Every structure is written in C-alpha cells, then in structure tokens.
Amino acid sequence: MTFEQQRRRLSGVVAIPVTPFDAEGAVDGQTYAKLVDRLITGGIEVVTPNGNTGEFYALDAGEARQCLEVTVEAVAGRASVLAGIGHDVASATRAAEHARDAGADMIMLHQPVHPYISGDGWVDYHATIAAAVPELGVVLYVRNPAIAGEQLRALGDAAPNVIGVKYAVPDPVRFGSVARDAGFDRFVWIAGLAELSAPGYFAVGATGFTSGLVNVDPAISLEMFRALSTGDYPAAMAVWERIRPFEELRAANGNANNVSVVKDALGQLGLCRPDVRPPSRLLTAAERERLFGLLSSWGLS
C-alpha cells in the first residue's frame, strides 16, 4: 500500500485487539485469529496487534512476534496491519524489521518508557527506528504532554515515513494546538483515548480514533465514526451515552480494568477466555454482573 492509502485507512476506527490466552496461560493463536477475522468482517480496516489493549507490556518478544504473524495471516490482505512495537531502540528496531518481513503495513511506536525523556532524544528515538524500515508507514503514540508540535515537526522533517500520530494526552485543547504547531496536514491525527474522547478530538481536527470496545461490538464503534466523520455530533453523542458506562467501568481505578472489562465481555459472549496477566486482574463478581447488564442492554448477551 502507498502511504496515502495508509493515511486514508488511519482516518477511521483503528482496532486494538485483545490477546487471548489459553488454559495454560499461553497466547491462544487460534482464538486470536478468529477475533481478528471478526473485526475485519465487521468492517474494520486497521488492526493493531500488540497495542495496550493487547497487553503489549505483558508479552515477551516471541509472543509479540506470534501475535503479529497470526494477525497478518488472519487479515489476509483485507485490512491494514499496524504492528505495535516499543522498548529500547535495538529491540524496537528488531521488532520493526520483523513486522516488515512478516507482512505488516505499518508500525506503531509505543511511547518510550524511560524516566528521563528530552525533546531531542524523543525525536532521535523515533527517527532511528523509522529509518530502519523506510518502506513502512510509522504511527507515533504520544502520551507525554511535554511532547510539543516542535518535536513532531522536527521528526516529520527527519522521517518521511512517519505518517500518523495517535494522540493520547487527555486534553483536546493541547491536542489542537500541538497538531497545528506540528503541521496539521503533515500527519493523520488519531484520537488515542477511544470513543469517549473522540468527539472532543474530532471537533479540533482528529479524523480517526483507536478502540478496544470494537473487540466487543464493531458496529457500535463504526456507528460513532460515521457520525463524527459527517459532523453529526448529536448522533455521535447518542452513541457516546450508550457506551459511557462500559468505558467508565474500564477507566475505574486509574484504568486498572481497561483490558479486563473487554476480555470479560468477550468471555461472556463465548469468544475467548477472560484471563489477563498481572499487573491486570480479573473482574470481581459485582463488576461482572454490571458488565452483563450493559451487554444485555446492547442486545449482545
């Protein structure tokens, strides 16, 4: 795919699939493939294996490679594969090269995990990894409010294959300012905090959003996207009201249940086991009961 085709697909619902585990705690590749196929047949055009909803930081390098390979095979050219990568520069570069060789279309660079991040160092980190795979589109995952338009502009100048920004700082005003300081048309701007934040970010320029909820019901996420992409904010907010209790359950206790709620919902629908790895945890009985009521209200359980 050309970078322009990739940019078009990023202006949509970017799905972050869960990573299902089997009874022994290993990655369940067969179930993973079925979940990815369900997303694609549901109308999703971009799938991100090894995102945060996929428990990226709880997977070892071999498991992350397995998830990507399963995704590429399951997608079978029907959608774009945006491979999540990260950690130190050498590890991220190896993962980027593996993503290229395995057939991914793009890579998403997780926010660097380091106690001391300088603006120039942030640019160098991403530029080094992007340069290793010039044929792949690169999407940045920005969670650090200290990263400004100045750094994004510099990175865009240094790395032509950086095509998108998944912006996950909970501040639409900051997002709007950073996007314009960076060069608004230079990147695809993706609301990185999912459906509840999407209307605010679309109002100031986002054209796509990421989603974990999409694992449970692709139709709901696509309904919100269609409303936002046509400027129908009343319709988008009607979806927002419907999904708000689900997303608030995920966000409780500092997002402690972010993945657990999605996996438990899939478990209640008979699609995968609810198991998560520490430091996440399974839902309590009360939380599961509340979740069952939400799924029932959507006509899913």
Protein backbone atom coordinates (compact mmCIF):
# COMPACT_ATOMS: atom_id res chain seq x y z
CA MET A 1 0.00 0.00 0.00
CA THR A 2 1.08 3.58 -0.61
CA PHE A 3 1.46 5.97 2.30
CA GLU A 4 -1.60 7.85 1.02
CA GLN A 5 -3.70 4.68 1.15
CA GLN A 6 -2.42 4.02 4.67
CA ARG A 7 -3.28 7.57 5.72
CA ARG A 8 -6.82 7.12 4.43
CA ARG A 9 -7.32 3.94 6.44
CA LEU A 10 -5.93 5.53 9.59
CA SER A 11 -8.74 8.07 9.27
CA GLY A 12 -11.21 5.58 10.66
CA VAL A 13 -11.60 3.17 13.57
CA VAL A 14 -8.19 1.74 14.48
CA ALA A 15 -8.89 -1.51 16.33
CA ILE A 16 -6.64 -2.73 19.16
CA PRO A 17 -7.38 -6.47 19.51
CA VAL A 18 -7.04 -8.28 22.82
CA THR A 19 -4.50 -11.08 23.16
CA PRO A 20 -6.39 -14.23 24.22
CA PHE A 21 -4.67 -16.77 26.44
CA ASP A 22 -5.36 -20.48 26.73
CA ALA A 23 -5.93 -22.50 29.90
CA GLU A 24 -2.15 -22.78 30.44
CA GLY A 25 -1.64 -19.03 30.07
CA ALA A 26 -0.02 -19.12 26.62
CA VAL A 27 -1.13 -16.99 23.67
CA ASP A 28 -4.08 -18.73 22.02
CA GLY A 29 -3.27 -18.21 18.35
CA GLN A 30 -6.35 -19.96 17.01
CA THR A 31 -8.72 -17.82 19.05
CA TYR A 32 -6.68 -14.72 18.23
CA ALA A 33 -7.18 -15.36 14.52
CA LYS A 34 -10.93 -15.73 14.99
CA LEU A 35 -11.14 -12.45 16.91
CA VAL A 36 -9.19 -10.61 14.22
CA ASP A 37 -11.38 -12.10 11.49
CA ARG A 38 -14.46 -10.94 13.41
CA LEU A 39 -13.10 -7.38 13.40
CA ILE A 40 -12.40 -7.43 9.67
CA THR A 41 -15.73 -8.97 8.70
CA GLY A 42 -17.33 -6.36 10.95
CA GLY A 43 -15.93 -3.59 8.75
CA ILE A 44 -12.65 -2.61 10.45
CA GLU A 45 -9.83 -1.52 8.12
CA VAL A 46 -6.89 -1.16 10.54
CA VAL A 47 -5.87 -3.70 13.19
CA THR A 48 -3.10 -3.08 15.73
CA PRO A 49 -1.66 -6.27 17.23
CA ASN A 50 0.46 -5.61 20.34
CA GLY A 51 -1.32 -2.46 21.43
CA ASN A 52 -2.08 -1.68 25.06
CA THR A 53 -5.46 -3.46 24.90
CA GLY A 54 -3.39 -6.40 23.63
CA GLU A 55 -1.34 -6.34 26.87
CA PHE A 56 1.83 -5.37 24.99
CA TYR A 57 3.90 -4.91 28.12
CA ALA A 58 2.87 -8.33 29.48
CA LEU A 59 4.09 -10.17 26.36
CA ASP A 60 7.63 -11.33 25.73
CA ALA A 61 9.30 -10.70 22.36
CA GLY A 62 8.43 -14.12 20.98
CA GLU A 63 4.77 -13.76 21.92
CA ALA A 64 4.61 -10.31 20.32
CA ARG A 65 6.03 -11.76 17.10
CA GLN A 66 3.46 -14.56 17.25
CA CYS A 67 0.59 -12.10 17.67
CA LEU A 68 1.73 -10.10 14.67
CA GLU A 69 2.19 -13.16 12.48
CA VAL A 70 -1.23 -14.52 13.41
CA THR A 71 -2.78 -11.13 12.65
CA VAL A 72 -1.17 -10.84 9.21
CA GLU A 73 -2.35 -14.34 8.30
CA ALA A 74 -5.88 -13.75 9.60
CA VAL A 75 -6.22 -10.37 7.89
CA ALA A 76 -5.10 -11.89 4.57
CA GLY A 77 -4.84 -8.53 2.85
CA ARG A 78 -8.38 -7.44 3.71
CA ALA A 79 -7.23 -4.61 6.01
CA SER A 80 -4.07 -2.85 7.15
CA VAL A 81 -1.91 -4.32 9.91
CA LEU A 82 -0.39 -1.68 12.21
CA ALA A 83 2.14 -3.53 14.38
CA GLY A 84 2.72 -2.24 17.90
CA ILE A 85 6.41 -2.11 18.82
CA GLY A 86 8.49 -0.46 21.53
CA HIS A 87 11.02 -0.78 24.36
CA ASP A 88 14.67 0.17 23.76
CA VAL A 89 15.90 1.30 20.33
CA ALA A 90 17.57 -2.01 19.45
CA SER A 91 14.54 -4.11 20.47
CA ALA A 92 12.13 -1.78 18.70
CA THR A 93 14.25 -1.82 15.54
CA ARG A 94 14.31 -5.62 15.52
CA ALA A 95 10.55 -5.68 16.01
CA ALA A 96 10.07 -3.16 13.19
CA GLU A 97 12.17 -5.27 10.83
CA HIS A 98 10.23 -8.36 11.83
CA ALA A 99 6.97 -6.52 11.19
CA ARG A 100 8.17 -5.60 7.70
CA ASP A 101 9.30 -9.14 6.94
CA ALA A 102 6.07 -10.66 8.34
CA GLY A 103 3.91 -8.52 6.05
CA ALA A 104 2.70 -5.65 8.26
CA ASP A 105 1.78 -2.42 6.50
CA MET A 106 2.70 -0.01 9.30
CA ILE A 107 4.22 0.14 12.76
CA MET A 108 3.01 2.00 15.84
CA LEU A 109 5.74 3.09 18.23
CA HIS A 110 4.64 2.93 21.84
CA GLN A 111 5.54 5.94 23.98
CA PRO A 112 9.15 5.39 25.17
CA VAL A 113 9.23 4.07 28.75
CA HIS A 114 12.10 5.96 30.35
CA PRO A 115 12.35 8.23 33.42
CA TYR A 116 14.36 10.88 31.55
CA ILE A 117 12.95 11.94 28.17
CA SER A 118 14.30 15.01 26.40
CA GLY A 119 12.60 16.52 23.38
CA ASP A 120 15.64 15.99 21.15
CA GLY A 121 16.10 12.45 22.46
CA TRP A 122 12.45 11.68 21.74
CA VAL A 123 12.96 12.78 18.13
CA ASP A 124 16.15 10.71 17.81
CA TYR A 125 14.47 7.61 19.26
CA HIS A 126 11.66 7.63 16.72
CA ALA A 127 13.79 8.76 13.76
CA THR A 128 16.28 5.93 14.31
CA ILE A 129 13.59 3.25 14.31
CA ALA A 130 11.68 4.77 11.39
CA ALA A 131 14.87 4.88 9.31
CA ALA A 132 15.30 1.11 9.68
CA VAL A 133 12.02 0.46 7.82
CA PRO A 134 11.58 3.27 5.28
CA GLU A 135 9.01 1.23 3.35
CA LEU A 136 6.61 1.08 6.32
CA GLY A 137 4.29 3.82 7.47
CA VAL A 138 5.02 4.84 11.07
CA VAL A 139 2.44 5.98 13.63
CA LEU A 140 3.56 7.70 16.83
CA TYR A 141 1.85 7.01 20.14
CA VAL A 142 2.04 10.25 22.11
CA ARG A 143 1.05 10.06 25.79
CA ASN A 144 3.52 12.61 27.13
CA PRO A 145 2.14 16.18 27.36
CA ALA A 146 5.72 17.52 27.23
CA ILE A 147 5.98 16.49 23.57
CA ALA A 148 5.11 19.59 21.58
CA GLY A 149 4.48 20.46 17.97
CA GLU A 150 8.13 21.47 17.68
CA GLN A 151 9.29 17.87 18.23
CA LEU A 152 6.68 16.43 15.90
CA ARG A 153 7.61 18.87 13.16
CA ALA A 154 11.30 18.01 13.53
CA LEU A 155 10.53 14.30 13.39
CA GLY A 156 8.36 14.76 10.32
CA ASP A 157 11.25 16.51 8.59
CA ALA A 158 13.70 13.76 9.59
CA ALA A 159 11.47 10.74 8.83
CA PRO A 160 9.23 10.94 5.74
CA ASN A 161 7.56 7.62 6.58
CA VAL A 162 6.10 8.96 9.85
CA ILE A 163 2.53 9.44 8.66
CA GLY A 164 0.29 9.43 11.74
CA VAL A 165 0.02 10.49 15.37
CA LYS A 166 -2.06 8.61 17.91
CA TYR A 167 -2.53 11.38 20.45
CA ALA A 168 -3.44 10.14 23.93
CA VAL A 169 -2.92 13.17 26.16
CA PRO A 170 -6.32 13.85 27.81
CA ASP A 171 -6.55 17.46 26.69
CA PRO A 172 -8.31 18.38 23.42
CA VAL A 173 -7.05 21.97 23.58
CA ARG A 174 -3.47 20.74 23.88
CA PHE A 175 -4.10 18.31 21.03
CA GLY A 176 -5.45 21.03 18.75
CA SER A 177 -2.50 23.28 19.47
CA VAL A 178 0.14 20.56 19.06
CA ALA A 179 -1.39 19.37 15.77
CA ARG A 180 -1.29 22.83 14.27
CA ASP A 181 2.20 23.63 15.55
CA ALA A 182 3.43 20.32 14.09
CA GLY A 183 1.90 20.97 10.68
CA PHE A 184 -1.71 19.90 10.61
CA ASP A 185 -1.68 18.38 7.13
CA ARG A 186 1.66 16.61 7.61
CA PHE A 187 0.19 13.77 9.72
CA VAL A 188 -3.03 11.83 10.18
CA TRP A 189 -4.33 12.77 13.64
CA ILE A 190 -5.86 9.88 15.58
CA ALA A 191 -7.73 10.33 18.86
CA GLY A 192 -5.84 7.87 21.03
CA LEU A 193 -8.18 7.73 24.03
CA ALA A 194 -11.01 5.83 22.32
CA GLU A 195 -14.70 6.60 21.94
CA LEU A 196 -15.42 8.77 24.97
CA SER A 197 -12.75 11.28 23.96
CA ALA A 198 -13.31 11.05 20.22
CA PRO A 199 -15.99 13.78 19.85
CA GLY A 200 -13.81 16.39 21.56
CA TYR A 201 -10.77 15.47 19.49
CA PHE A 202 -12.71 15.34 16.21
CA ALA A 203 -14.00 18.83 16.95
CA VAL A 204 -10.42 20.15 16.76
CA GLY A 205 -9.13 18.04 13.89
CA ALA A 206 -8.84 14.29 14.54
CA THR A 207 -10.00 12.10 11.67
CA GLY A 208 -9.76 8.68 13.32
CA PHE A 209 -9.84 7.08 16.75
CA THR A 210 -8.48 3.96 18.40
CA SER A 211 -10.77 1.47 20.10
CA GLY A 212 -10.73 -1.50 22.44
CA LEU A 213 -14.51 -1.53 22.67
CA VAL A 214 -14.53 -2.51 18.99
CA ASN A 215 -13.50 -6.04 20.06
CA VAL A 216 -16.91 -6.43 21.69
CA ASP A 217 -19.12 -4.84 19.04
CA PRO A 218 -17.53 -3.36 15.89
CA ALA A 219 -20.89 -1.94 14.82
CA ILE A 220 -21.05 0.48 17.77
CA SER A 221 -17.59 1.94 17.09
CA LEU A 222 -18.29 2.26 13.38
CA GLU A 223 -21.62 3.95 14.11
CA MET A 224 -19.82 6.61 16.15
CA PHE A 225 -17.17 7.07 13.47
CA ARG A 226 -19.73 7.57 10.73
CA ALA A 227 -21.47 10.22 12.81
CA LEU A 228 -18.24 12.04 13.65
CA SER A 229 -16.87 11.89 10.11
CA THR A 230 -20.02 13.57 8.78
CA GLY A 231 -20.18 16.15 11.57
CA ASP A 232 -23.34 14.68 13.07
CA TYR A 233 -22.44 15.33 16.70
CA PRO A 234 -25.93 14.66 18.10
CA ALA A 235 -25.81 11.14 16.62
CA ALA A 236 -22.26 10.65 17.88
CA MET A 237 -23.27 11.71 21.38
CA ALA A 238 -26.20 9.29 21.33
CA VAL A 239 -23.64 6.50 20.85
CA TRP A 240 -21.45 8.15 23.48
CA GLU A 241 -24.25 7.94 26.05
CA ARG A 242 -24.85 4.29 25.23
CA ILE A 243 -21.24 3.23 25.69
CA ARG A 244 -20.27 5.57 28.53
CA PRO A 245 -20.98 3.08 31.38
CA PHE A 246 -18.85 0.44 29.64
CA GLU A 247 -15.92 2.81 29.13
CA GLU A 248 -16.23 4.18 32.65
CA LEU A 249 -16.03 0.64 34.01
CA ARG A 250 -12.80 0.22 32.05
CA ALA A 251 -11.43 3.52 33.34
CA ALA A 252 -12.19 2.86 37.01
CA ASN A 253 -9.29 2.89 39.48
CA GLY A 254 -6.88 4.56 37.10
CA ASN A 255 -7.72 2.31 34.14
CA ALA A 256 -6.95 -0.81 36.15
CA ASN A 257 -9.76 -2.70 34.40
CA ASN A 258 -9.11 -1.38 30.90
CA VAL A 259 -8.30 -4.77 29.38
CA SER A 260 -10.16 -6.90 31.92
CA VAL A 261 -13.55 -5.44 31.01
CA VAL A 262 -13.06 -6.06 27.29
CA LYS A 263 -11.83 -9.61 27.81
CA ASP A 264 -14.58 -10.44 30.28
CA ALA A 265 -17.16 -9.12 27.82
CA LEU A 266 -15.71 -11.37 25.13
CA GLY A 267 -15.78 -14.23 27.64
CA GLN A 268 -19.46 -13.60 28.36
CA LEU A 269 -20.09 -13.70 24.61
CA GLY A 270 -18.26 -17.04 24.36
CA LEU A 271 -15.48 -15.64 22.19
CA CYS A 272 -12.40 -16.04 24.40
CA ARG A 273 -11.29 -16.66 27.96
CA PRO A 274 -11.36 -13.61 30.27
CA ASP A 275 -7.82 -14.26 31.53
CA VAL A 276 -5.42 -11.31 31.84
CA ARG A 277 -1.84 -11.18 33.04
CA PRO A 278 -0.57 -9.28 36.07
CA PRO A 279 -0.48 -6.42 36.82
CA SER A 280 -4.04 -6.52 35.43
CA ARG A 281 -6.63 -8.66 37.26
CA LEU A 282 -9.91 -10.46 36.64
CA LEU A 283 -13.14 -8.61 37.35
CA THR A 284 -14.97 -9.12 40.62
CA ALA A 285 -18.37 -10.82 40.69
CA ALA A 286 -20.07 -7.44 41.12
CA GLU A 287 -18.20 -5.97 38.17
CA ARG A 288 -19.06 -8.97 36.02
CA GLU A 289 -22.72 -8.63 36.89
CA ARG A 290 -22.71 -4.96 35.98
CA LEU A 291 -20.98 -5.79 32.70
CA PHE A 292 -23.57 -8.45 31.91
CA GLY A 293 -26.29 -5.84 32.31
CA LEU A 294 -24.51 -3.49 29.90
CA LEU A 295 -24.09 -6.19 27.27
CA SER A 296 -27.73 -7.14 27.66
CA SER A 297 -28.77 -3.52 27.12
CA TRP A 298 -26.88 -3.62 23.80
CA GLY A 299 -28.63 -6.84 22.81
CA LEU A 300 -25.39 -8.84 22.89
CA SER A 301 -25.53 -11.22 25.85
